[in-house]
Protein backbone atom coordinates (compact mmCIF):
# COMPACT_ATOMS: atom_id res chain seq x y z
CA MET A 1 47.63 25.16 -12.02
CA THR A 2 45.75 21.95 -12.72
CA ASP A 3 47.90 20.03 -10.23
CA THR A 4 47.23 22.49 -7.40
CA VAL A 5 46.55 20.84 -4.04
CA MET A 6 43.96 22.39 -1.72
CA PRO A 7 42.37 21.44 1.59
CA HIS A 8 39.13 19.52 1.16
CA TRP A 9 36.66 22.35 0.58
CA LEU A 10 34.10 21.38 3.22
CA ARG A 11 36.80 20.75 5.84
CA LYS A 12 38.36 24.13 5.16
CA ARG A 13 35.03 25.92 5.23
CA ALA A 14 34.09 24.23 8.53
CA GLU A 15 37.40 25.44 9.99
CA LEU A 16 36.93 29.01 8.75
CA THR A 17 33.27 29.62 9.55
CA PRO A 18 31.99 26.64 11.56
CA ASP A 19 28.85 28.33 12.91
CA ARG A 20 27.74 29.93 9.66
CA VAL A 21 24.64 28.35 8.12
CA ALA A 22 25.43 26.01 5.24
CA VAL A 23 21.99 24.68 4.31
CA GLU A 24 18.65 26.22 5.19
CA THR A 25 15.03 25.24 4.60
CA PHE A 26 11.75 26.60 5.95
CA GLU A 27 11.96 23.97 8.69
CA ALA A 28 15.61 23.83 9.74
CA ALA A 29 19.18 25.05 9.32
CA VAL A 30 22.50 23.19 9.31
CA THR A 31 25.86 24.87 10.01
CA PHE A 32 29.05 24.10 8.15
CA ARG A 33 30.39 22.40 11.30
CA GLU A 34 27.35 20.12 11.45
CA LEU A 35 27.45 19.45 7.72
CA ASN A 36 31.12 18.51 7.91
CA GLU A 37 30.65 16.18 10.88
CA SER A 38 27.74 14.29 9.32
CA THR A 39 29.52 14.16 5.97
CA ARG A 40 32.70 12.69 7.47
CA ASN A 41 30.59 10.05 9.22
CA LEU A 42 28.97 9.12 5.91
CA ALA A 43 32.38 9.00 4.24
CA ALA A 44 33.69 6.68 6.97
CA ASN A 45 30.77 4.30 6.49
CA LEU A 46 31.21 4.33 2.72
CA GLN A 47 34.89 3.57 3.18
CA ALA A 48 34.10 0.69 5.52
CA TYR A 49 31.74 -0.64 2.85
CA GLY A 50 34.65 -0.64 0.39
CA ILE A 51 34.39 2.59 -1.58
CA LYS A 52 37.85 3.85 -2.47
CA GLU A 53 39.60 6.45 -4.57
CA GLY A 54 38.55 6.40 -8.23
CA ASP A 55 35.35 4.40 -7.65
CA ARG A 56 32.19 5.70 -9.28
CA VAL A 57 29.14 6.00 -7.04
CA ALA A 58 25.76 6.86 -8.52
CA LEU A 59 23.38 9.18 -6.66
CA LEU A 60 19.63 8.90 -7.24
CA MET A 61 18.18 11.55 -4.97
CA GLY A 62 15.97 14.59 -4.95
CA ASN A 63 17.03 17.94 -3.55
CA SER A 64 17.95 16.99 -0.01
CA LEU A 65 20.59 17.35 2.67
CA ALA A 66 21.52 13.72 1.96
CA MET A 67 22.40 14.62 -1.63
CA ILE A 68 24.69 17.41 -0.43
CA GLN A 69 26.34 15.14 2.14
CA SER A 70 26.87 12.45 -0.50
CA TYR A 71 28.70 14.79 -2.88
CA HIS A 72 31.11 15.95 -0.17
CA ALA A 73 31.55 12.49 1.35
CA LEU A 74 32.64 11.02 -1.97
CA ALA A 75 35.17 13.83 -2.35
CA TYR A 76 36.55 12.85 1.07
CA LEU A 77 37.24 9.39 -0.42
CA GLY A 78 38.49 10.53 -3.81
CA ALA A 79 35.53 8.70 -5.37
CA ILE A 80 33.59 10.12 -8.31
CA ALA A 81 29.93 11.08 -7.99
CA VAL A 82 27.58 10.09 -10.82
CA PRO A 83 24.35 12.04 -10.21
CA LEU A 84 21.34 10.52 -11.97
CA ASN A 85 18.32 12.41 -13.21
CA THR A 86 15.46 11.31 -10.97
CA ARG A 87 13.06 11.42 -13.92
CA LEU A 88 14.86 8.66 -15.82
CA THR A 89 13.26 5.27 -16.33
CA PRO A 90 14.85 2.14 -14.80
CA ALA A 91 16.18 1.22 -18.26
CA GLU A 92 17.89 4.61 -18.65
CA ILE A 93 19.33 4.41 -15.14
CA ALA A 94 20.64 0.90 -15.76
CA TRP A 95 22.42 2.05 -18.91
CA GLN A 96 24.17 4.92 -17.12
CA LEU A 97 25.19 2.63 -14.26
CA GLU A 98 26.72 0.21 -16.73
CA ASP A 99 28.44 2.89 -18.79
CA SER A 100 29.96 4.64 -15.76
CA GLY A 101 30.95 1.36 -14.10
CA ALA A 102 29.35 2.50 -10.85
CA SER A 103 29.73 -0.12 -8.11
CA LEU A 104 27.15 1.47 -5.81
CA LEU A 105 23.90 3.39 -6.20
CA LEU A 106 22.87 5.52 -3.24
CA HIS A 107 19.23 6.58 -3.06
CA ASP A 108 17.08 8.52 -0.62
CA GLY A 109 13.97 6.38 -0.92
CA SER A 110 12.07 8.91 -3.04
CA LYS A 111 12.38 6.91 -6.28
CA LEU A 112 11.82 3.35 -5.12
CA ASP A 113 9.96 2.38 -8.31
CA SER A 114 13.03 3.25 -10.36
CA VAL A 115 15.32 1.41 -7.96
CA HIS A 116 13.18 -1.73 -7.84
CA GLY A 117 12.77 -1.68 -11.62
CA LEU A 118 16.49 -2.02 -12.32
CA GLU A 119 16.95 -5.15 -14.39
CA PRO A 120 19.50 -6.51 -14.59
CA ARG A 121 21.06 -5.11 -11.41
CA ARG A 122 24.09 -3.03 -12.47
CA ALA A 123 25.31 -1.96 -9.04
CA GLU A 124 24.70 -2.54 -5.38
CA VAL A 125 21.75 -0.39 -4.28
CA ARG A 126 21.67 1.12 -0.79
CA ALA A 127 19.61 3.74 1.05
CA VAL A 128 21.93 6.58 2.00
CA ARG A 129 20.08 7.30 5.27
CA ASP A 130 21.36 3.99 6.68
CA TRP A 131 24.92 5.30 6.54
CA ILE A 132 24.17 8.88 7.52
CA SER A 133 22.33 7.97 10.73
CA THR A 134 24.63 5.12 11.78
CA PRO A 135 27.79 6.13 13.68
CA ALA A 136 30.92 4.89 11.96
CA ARG A 137 32.41 1.83 13.66
CA HIS A 138 35.95 2.29 12.39
CA PRO A 139 38.20 5.34 12.17
CA ALA A 140 38.26 6.66 8.63
CA ARG A 141 41.28 7.41 6.45
CA LEU A 142 39.83 10.34 4.57
CA LYS A 143 41.47 12.56 1.98
CA GLU A 144 42.03 15.86 3.75
CA THR A 145 43.19 17.51 0.53
CA ILE A 146 42.08 17.53 -3.10
CA ARG A 147 43.91 18.13 -6.35
CA LEU A 148 42.27 20.36 -8.91
CA ASP A 149 43.00 17.91 -11.72
CA GLU A 150 41.21 15.04 -9.94
CA PRO A 151 37.76 14.10 -11.27
CA HIS A 152 34.88 15.09 -9.04
CA THR A 153 31.75 14.29 -11.03
CA ILE A 154 30.51 12.48 -14.11
CA ILE A 155 27.32 14.14 -15.33
CA TYR A 156 25.46 12.51 -18.18
CA THR A 157 24.23 14.74 -20.96
CA SER A 158 22.15 13.56 -23.89
CA GLY A 159 24.07 13.09 -27.12
CA THR A 160 23.09 13.56 -30.74
CA THR A 161 23.71 9.85 -31.41
CA GLY A 162 20.90 8.83 -29.07
CA ARG A 163 23.05 7.74 -26.11
CA PRO A 164 24.06 10.08 -23.25
CA LYS A 165 27.72 10.95 -22.73
CA GLY A 166 29.34 11.26 -19.32
CA VAL A 167 30.92 14.68 -18.86
CA ILE A 168 33.94 14.44 -16.57
CA LEU A 169 34.16 17.50 -14.32
CA SER A 170 37.22 17.94 -12.14
CA HIS A 171 37.57 19.80 -8.87
CA GLY A 172 39.36 22.44 -10.93
CA ASN A 173 36.42 22.82 -13.29
CA HIS A 174 34.12 23.50 -10.32
CA TRP A 175 36.67 25.77 -8.64
CA TRP A 176 37.16 28.01 -11.65
CA SER A 177 33.44 28.09 -12.33
CA ALA A 178 32.90 29.45 -8.82
CA VAL A 179 35.77 31.93 -9.18
CA GLY A 180 34.53 33.15 -12.56
CA SER A 181 31.01 33.64 -11.23
CA ALA A 182 32.28 35.54 -8.18
CA LEU A 183 34.37 37.87 -10.31
CA ASN A 184 31.28 38.70 -12.37
CA LEU A 185 28.40 38.74 -9.88
CA GLY A 186 30.46 39.55 -6.81
CA VAL A 187 30.12 37.88 -3.40
CA ASN A 188 28.33 39.69 -0.61
CA PHE A 189 28.62 38.74 3.06
CA ASP A 190 24.85 38.31 3.34
CA ASP A 191 24.34 36.35 0.11
CA LYS A 192 21.98 33.39 0.20
CA TRP A 193 21.47 31.34 -2.97
CA LEU A 194 18.16 29.53 -3.41
CA ALA A 195 18.44 26.12 -5.06
CA ALA A 196 15.20 24.86 -6.57
CA VAL A 197 16.90 23.56 -9.70
CA PRO A 198 17.82 19.86 -9.38
CA LEU A 199 21.05 19.07 -7.54
CA PHE A 200 21.71 16.30 -10.08
CA HIS A 201 21.99 19.01 -12.75
CA VAL A 202 25.19 20.97 -13.15
CA SER A 203 23.26 24.15 -12.31
CA GLY A 204 22.28 22.80 -8.89
CA LEU A 205 25.66 21.20 -8.26
CA SER A 206 27.45 24.47 -9.05
CA ILE A 207 25.45 26.20 -6.29
CA LEU A 208 26.69 23.61 -3.78
CA MET A 209 30.29 24.15 -4.88
CA LYS A 210 29.92 27.92 -4.55
CA SER A 211 28.43 27.45 -1.08
CA VAL A 212 31.54 25.86 0.45
CA ILE A 213 33.97 28.01 -1.53
CA TYR A 214 32.21 31.30 -0.70
CA GLY A 215 30.95 30.30 2.76
CA MET A 216 27.42 31.04 1.57
CA PRO A 217 24.15 29.51 2.79
CA VAL A 218 22.05 27.54 0.33
CA PHE A 219 18.30 27.83 0.77
CA LEU A 220 17.24 24.39 -0.42
CA GLN A 221 13.85 23.51 -1.85
CA GLU A 222 12.87 19.97 -2.79
CA ARG A 223 11.13 21.15 -5.93
CA PHE A 224 10.30 24.39 -7.66
CA GLU A 225 7.11 26.06 -6.49
CA ALA A 226 6.78 29.71 -7.47
CA LYS A 227 4.93 30.77 -4.33
CA ALA A 228 7.48 29.09 -2.05
CA VAL A 229 10.43 30.63 -3.93
CA ASN A 230 8.92 34.11 -3.71
CA GLU A 231 8.15 33.58 -0.03
CA ALA A 232 11.80 32.64 0.62
CA ILE A 233 12.99 35.75 -1.21
CA PHE A 234 10.77 37.98 0.96
CA SER A 235 10.89 36.23 4.35
CA ARG A 236 14.30 34.52 4.34
CA ARG A 237 16.31 37.25 2.60
CA VAL A 238 17.34 35.17 -0.39
CA THR A 239 19.59 37.27 -2.61
CA ILE A 240 20.17 35.00 -5.63
CA VAL A 241 18.07 32.37 -7.39
CA SER A 242 18.85 30.21 -10.43
CA VAL A 243 15.97 29.67 -12.85
CA VAL A 244 15.07 28.62 -16.38
CA THR A 245 12.48 30.40 -18.51
CA ALA A 246 9.48 28.35 -17.38
CA MET A 247 10.37 28.99 -13.72
CA MET A 248 10.87 32.70 -14.25
CA THR A 249 7.49 32.99 -15.97
CA LYS A 250 5.74 31.40 -12.99
CA LEU A 251 7.66 33.57 -10.50
CA LEU A 252 6.59 36.75 -12.26
CA ASP A 253 3.00 35.58 -12.49
CA ASP A 254 2.96 34.80 -8.75
CA LEU A 255 4.67 38.10 -7.92
CA GLY A 256 1.82 40.03 -9.52
CA ASP A 257 2.05 43.77 -8.86
CA GLN A 258 4.65 43.39 -6.11
CA ALA A 259 8.33 44.25 -6.48
CA TYR A 260 11.17 42.20 -5.07
CA PRO A 261 12.89 43.55 -1.93
CA ALA A 262 16.08 45.58 -2.24
CA TRP A 263 18.29 42.74 -1.00
CA PHE A 264 17.33 40.49 -3.93
CA ARG A 265 20.12 41.16 -6.38
CA CYS A 266 20.24 38.40 -8.98
CA MET A 267 17.88 36.15 -10.91
CA LEU A 268 20.31 33.97 -12.87
CA LEU A 269 18.51 32.84 -16.02
CA GLY A 270 19.78 29.83 -17.97
CA GLY A 271 18.43 26.86 -19.87
CA GLY A 272 18.30 28.42 -23.33
CA PRO A 273 17.37 31.68 -25.02
CA ALA A 274 14.58 33.55 -23.24
CA PRO A 275 11.66 35.15 -25.10
CA MET A 276 12.05 38.92 -25.36
CA PRO A 277 8.54 39.70 -23.98
CA LEU A 278 9.48 37.93 -20.73
CA LEU A 279 12.72 39.90 -20.44
CA GLU A 280 10.88 43.16 -21.14
CA LYS A 281 8.34 42.31 -18.42
CA ALA A 282 11.13 41.71 -15.92
CA LYS A 283 12.84 44.92 -16.99
CA ALA A 284 9.64 46.90 -16.45
CA LYS A 285 9.36 45.49 -12.91
CA GLY A 286 12.99 46.26 -12.12
CA ILE A 287 13.90 42.60 -11.60
CA PRO A 288 17.67 41.99 -11.84
CA VAL A 289 17.75 39.25 -14.49
CA PHE A 290 21.17 38.00 -15.54
CA GLN A 291 21.05 35.88 -18.67
CA THR A 292 23.65 33.15 -18.89
CA TYR A 293 24.98 30.60 -21.32
CA GLY A 294 26.49 27.35 -20.14
CA LEU A 295 26.67 23.60 -20.53
CA SER A 296 27.36 20.56 -18.43
CA GLU A 297 30.71 20.58 -20.20
CA THR A 298 31.52 24.05 -18.82
CA ALA A 299 30.55 23.26 -15.19
CA SER A 300 27.51 25.55 -15.52
CA GLN A 301 27.70 29.14 -16.77
CA ILE A 302 30.62 30.24 -18.91
CA VAL A 303 29.04 33.42 -20.30
CA THR A 304 26.98 35.78 -18.12
CA LEU A 305 25.73 39.31 -18.57
CA ALA A 306 27.52 41.71 -16.23
CA PRO A 307 25.29 43.79 -13.93
CA GLU A 308 25.92 47.13 -15.62
CA TYR A 309 24.76 45.81 -19.00
CA MET A 310 21.56 44.15 -17.83
CA MET A 311 19.29 46.75 -19.45
CA GLU A 312 21.52 47.94 -22.28
CA LYS A 313 22.15 44.46 -23.69
CA ILE A 314 18.84 42.80 -22.91
CA GLY A 315 18.60 39.46 -24.72
CA SER A 316 22.35 38.88 -24.60
CA ALA A 317 24.02 36.14 -22.56
CA GLY A 318 26.90 38.56 -21.96
CA LYS A 319 30.63 38.03 -22.14
CA PRO A 320 32.76 35.05 -21.06
CA LEU A 321 33.52 34.78 -17.37
CA PHE A 322 37.05 35.43 -16.20
CA PRO A 323 39.24 33.53 -17.23
CA ALA A 324 37.22 31.84 -20.02
CA GLU A 325 37.20 32.69 -23.72
CA ILE A 326 34.68 32.29 -26.55
CA LYS A 327 34.60 32.87 -30.26
CA ILE A 328 32.30 32.19 -33.20
CA VAL A 329 33.60 30.00 -36.03
CA ASP A 330 32.34 28.67 -39.35
CA ASP A 331 32.29 25.01 -40.37
CA SER A 332 35.98 25.13 -41.28
CA GLY A 333 36.96 26.59 -37.90
CA LYS A 334 37.62 30.09 -39.25
CA GLU A 335 36.64 32.86 -36.85
CA ARG A 336 33.57 34.82 -37.84
CA ARG A 337 33.28 38.61 -37.72
CA PRO A 338 30.90 40.46 -35.39
CA GLY A 339 27.33 40.05 -36.56
CA GLU A 340 28.05 36.80 -38.41
CA GLU A 341 26.42 33.62 -37.15
CA GLY A 342 28.42 30.50 -36.42
CA GLU A 343 29.25 27.82 -33.89
CA ILE A 344 30.08 28.88 -30.34
CA VAL A 345 33.46 27.50 -29.25
CA VAL A 346 34.89 28.00 -25.76
CA LYS A 347 37.94 27.35 -23.64
CA GLY A 348 38.98 27.91 -20.07
CA PRO A 349 39.83 26.06 -16.85
CA ASN A 350 36.13 25.43 -16.13
CA VAL A 351 35.70 23.41 -19.35
CA THR A 352 35.77 19.61 -19.20
CA LYS A 353 38.76 17.78 -20.61
CA GLY A 354 36.52 15.12 -22.09
CA TYR A 355 33.82 12.49 -21.92
CA TRP A 356 33.91 9.31 -19.89
CA GLN A 357 35.21 6.47 -22.10
CA ARG A 358 34.37 8.41 -25.26
CA PRO A 359 37.74 9.24 -26.88
CA GLU A 360 36.21 9.81 -30.31
CA ALA A 361 33.55 12.16 -28.96
CA THR A 362 36.22 13.99 -26.95
CA ALA A 363 38.43 14.40 -30.02
CA GLU A 364 35.47 15.63 -32.05
CA ALA A 365 34.55 18.23 -29.44
CA TRP A 366 38.09 19.43 -28.70
CA ARG A 367 39.83 20.92 -31.75
CA ASP A 368 42.85 23.22 -31.76
CA GLY A 369 42.48 23.88 -28.04
CA TRP A 370 38.83 24.95 -28.28
CA PHE A 371 35.73 23.08 -27.16
CA HIS A 372 33.09 23.01 -29.90
CA THR A 373 29.66 23.35 -28.31
CA GLY A 374 27.57 22.68 -31.43
CA ASP A 375 25.47 25.71 -30.43
CA ILE A 376 24.85 28.60 -32.78
CA GLY A 377 25.40 32.21 -31.79
CA VAL A 378 26.63 35.62 -32.81
CA LEU A 379 28.83 38.27 -31.20
CA ASP A 380 27.92 41.92 -31.54
CA ASP A 381 30.42 44.73 -32.13
CA ASP A 382 31.02 45.00 -28.40
CA GLY A 383 31.74 41.30 -27.96
CA PHE A 384 28.43 40.32 -26.33
CA LEU A 385 27.13 36.87 -27.13
CA TYR A 386 23.62 36.25 -28.44
CA VAL A 387 22.69 32.56 -28.45
CA LEU A 388 20.55 31.73 -31.46
CA ASP A 389 20.00 28.04 -30.91
CA ARG A 390 20.91 25.51 -28.26
CA ARG A 391 22.38 23.02 -30.65
CA LYS A 392 20.69 22.74 -33.98
CA ASP A 393 18.19 20.06 -33.10
CA LEU A 394 18.00 20.40 -29.33
CA ILE A 395 14.60 20.66 -27.68
CA ILE A 396 14.54 22.48 -24.33
CA SER A 397 11.42 21.56 -22.40
CA GLY A 398 11.08 23.31 -19.06
CA GLY A 399 14.86 23.63 -18.82
CA GLU A 400 15.44 19.93 -19.57
CA ASN A 401 17.48 19.00 -22.63
CA VAL A 402 15.77 16.63 -25.03
CA TYR A 403 17.74 15.33 -28.00
CA PRO A 404 15.59 14.12 -30.91
CA ALA A 405 17.90 11.20 -31.74
CA GLU A 406 17.39 9.64 -28.32
CA VAL A 407 13.59 9.86 -28.64
CA GLU A 408 13.72 8.56 -32.21
CA ALA A 409 15.81 5.60 -31.08
CA ALA A 410 13.11 4.69 -28.55
CA LEU A 411 10.30 5.11 -31.07
CA VAL A 412 11.76 2.79 -33.68
CA GLY A 413 11.92 0.10 -31.03
CA HIS A 414 8.15 -0.24 -31.41
CA PRO A 415 7.32 -3.29 -33.54
CA LEU A 416 4.94 -1.28 -35.76
CA ILE A 417 7.13 1.80 -36.31
CA GLU A 418 9.36 1.88 -39.38
CA GLU A 419 11.03 5.24 -38.81
CA ALA A 420 10.54 8.40 -36.79
CA GLY A 421 11.59 12.02 -36.73
CA VAL A 422 11.32 14.28 -33.68
CA VAL A 423 11.33 18.07 -33.46
CA GLY A 424 10.39 20.72 -30.91
CA ALA A 425 6.88 22.15 -30.86
CA VAL A 426 6.02 25.43 -29.18
CA ASP A 427 4.26 24.99 -25.82
CA ASP A 428 2.77 27.72 -23.64
CA VAL A 429 3.88 26.06 -20.39
CA TRP A 430 7.17 24.30 -21.14
CA GLY A 431 8.51 26.47 -23.96
CA GLN A 432 8.97 23.42 -26.16
CA VAL A 433 7.78 19.82 -26.13
CA PRO A 434 8.75 16.89 -28.39
CA ALA A 435 6.61 16.27 -31.47
CA ALA A 436 7.05 13.00 -33.38
CA PHE A 437 6.48 12.24 -37.06
CA ILE A 438 6.04 8.50 -37.53
CA VAL A 439 6.02 6.13 -40.48
CA THR A 440 4.44 2.79 -39.57
CA LYS A 441 5.47 -0.54 -41.04
CA ASN A 442 3.40 -1.49 -44.10
CA GLY A 443 0.86 1.18 -43.26
CA ALA A 444 -0.07 -0.45 -39.94
CA LYS A 445 -2.64 1.38 -37.84
CA LEU A 446 -1.32 2.87 -34.63
CA ALA A 447 -2.87 5.37 -32.21
CA ALA A 448 -1.03 8.33 -30.72
CA GLU A 449 -1.96 7.06 -27.25
CA ASP A 450 -0.22 3.76 -27.99
CA VAL A 451 2.94 5.59 -29.02
CA GLU A 452 2.96 7.68 -25.84
CA ALA A 453 2.36 4.63 -23.64
CA PHE A 454 5.21 2.78 -25.36
CA CYS A 455 7.61 5.69 -24.78
CA ARG A 456 6.68 6.16 -21.12
CA ASN A 457 8.20 2.78 -20.31
CA ARG A 458 11.46 3.75 -21.99
CA LEU A 459 11.93 7.48 -21.59
CA ALA A 460 11.70 10.10 -18.88
CA GLY A 461 8.35 11.90 -18.97
CA TYR A 462 9.70 15.14 -20.44
CA LYS A 463 11.13 13.20 -23.41
CA VAL A 464 7.83 11.54 -24.36
CA PRO A 465 6.31 13.10 -27.52
CA LYS A 466 3.33 15.30 -26.67
CA HIS A 467 2.22 15.48 -30.33
CA VAL A 468 2.24 12.53 -32.73
CA PHE A 469 1.75 12.79 -36.50
CA PHE A 470 1.55 9.81 -38.84
CA VAL A 471 3.07 10.38 -42.29
CA ASP A 472 3.83 8.30 -45.38
CA ARG A 473 7.53 9.18 -45.44
CA LEU A 474 10.12 11.40 -43.78
CA PRO A 475 12.06 14.10 -45.65
CA ARG A 476 15.68 13.11 -46.24
CA ASN A 477 18.57 14.46 -48.28
CA ALA A 478 20.46 12.61 -50.98
CA SER A 479 22.63 10.81 -48.45
CA GLY A 480 19.61 9.69 -46.45
CA LYS A 481 20.03 12.17 -43.60
CA LEU A 482 16.78 13.20 -41.96
CA LEU A 483 15.89 16.84 -42.65
CA ARG A 484 14.33 17.93 -39.38
CA ARG A 485 13.82 21.49 -40.57
CA LYS A 486 11.37 20.12 -43.11
CA LEU A 487 9.47 18.41 -40.31
CA VAL A 488 9.22 21.71 -38.43
CA GLU A 489 7.59 23.20 -41.53
CA ARG A 490 4.95 20.46 -41.37
CA LEU A 491 3.87 21.37 -37.85
CA PRO A 492 0.57 23.24 -37.51
CA SER A 493 1.11 27.00 -37.24
CA LYS A 494 0.29 27.05 -33.52
CA LEU A 495 3.02 24.49 -32.81
CA ARG A 496 5.58 26.30 -34.97
CA THR A 497 5.09 29.88 -33.90
CA GLY A 498 2.73 29.77 -30.94
CA VAL A 499 0.17 31.68 -33.00
CA ASP A 500 -2.84 30.30 -34.85
CA GLY A 501 -3.13 30.94 -38.57
């Protein structure tokens, strides 16, 4: 069914339920009719500018109506959206623009420092509000239909080689992700999904796709603030919210002794394994927490705990969504038995077909019809997945993925650093933060503050090492491969386990 043709999702939704709210904030509400009209105007202006089918257009925006309009407008042109993490440095943005071949970068004015710092200029840079507010001068020739096999988005995800890879997600990937989620969580007429996770992340984008497919309002927040999220749940009848562990912790702290209202039916928890004490606390308060497992490559969740198993299988990510499949394999690809650890491999119509201009990486990930995630997990006797590690070396800091190789590559760019190794250190606020072990050239003296300042000009803030240790040499195996597990053992007890001693 990959070649299935459908009406453009926003056009169809505006025809079906034109007066239903599409996007809501504390200040205003926009109907699907209004969203469609403004989006088509933006698409017409983009077309007049020269954007055509197959073009890549980068989006550097916070959580805003403009970001939502931009996604749908590009789909009206058959162009491919390349959402950029707003926390990236100008150098990181420039690299992704070059790699994707984006001809245009649309911004909302919130990250002007990043826009002005782009050197050399990789794409034309324009403020999206200029095209949203200006009536189109020429009639547009928009795509009124979409094909499920057409690319919709390229989302960059950090790679173990130090350079991000562009995950190509098709309309079909987003469609089946929404269908799989609906068949697990259900869709209620009064559902309202709060989006405080970034819309440039696949988790935020998937909420927008579900909105037009389900006909469901999105309660949009520019940034996560626990008090504001809880207020929306109580006063605006929000029924579902997507969170990562750090967000959930703050929500429960702000909630205090209160209980959520009866209409709140789902706290979708992703971003890595959650600590059991947090899950037990939520269980004691009767909060409906649904753990999930997903990747950019799977268009968000691919495994989610079904409602009836929320208490019985606490700590599990659940079973694969309909119609996805998972299994656990060893290094040779042989399937492991229940209870045996191994790599999580997945397949299904919501899984990407590959990486943008990375045929070798695509071939490495796709083997025998299964996508190899690199993550480690185990299935119990009932087929429930327990995720043991989000990729062997991955650091998850406040829900953001940090790959050590990318940070190490930045560190060794310092003229006084010979080599570097980066691991995750336990942090009370963010779950994990990067910790760097550094060998200087010829024993040169270097301060931790100098290292952090150097990285801040080259890496997003959450990737900058929060702990720096200077060592004489790094542990390596016989072939010269860095042994990061040995570095973890060198961390002070508090940074390894969260406990002093």
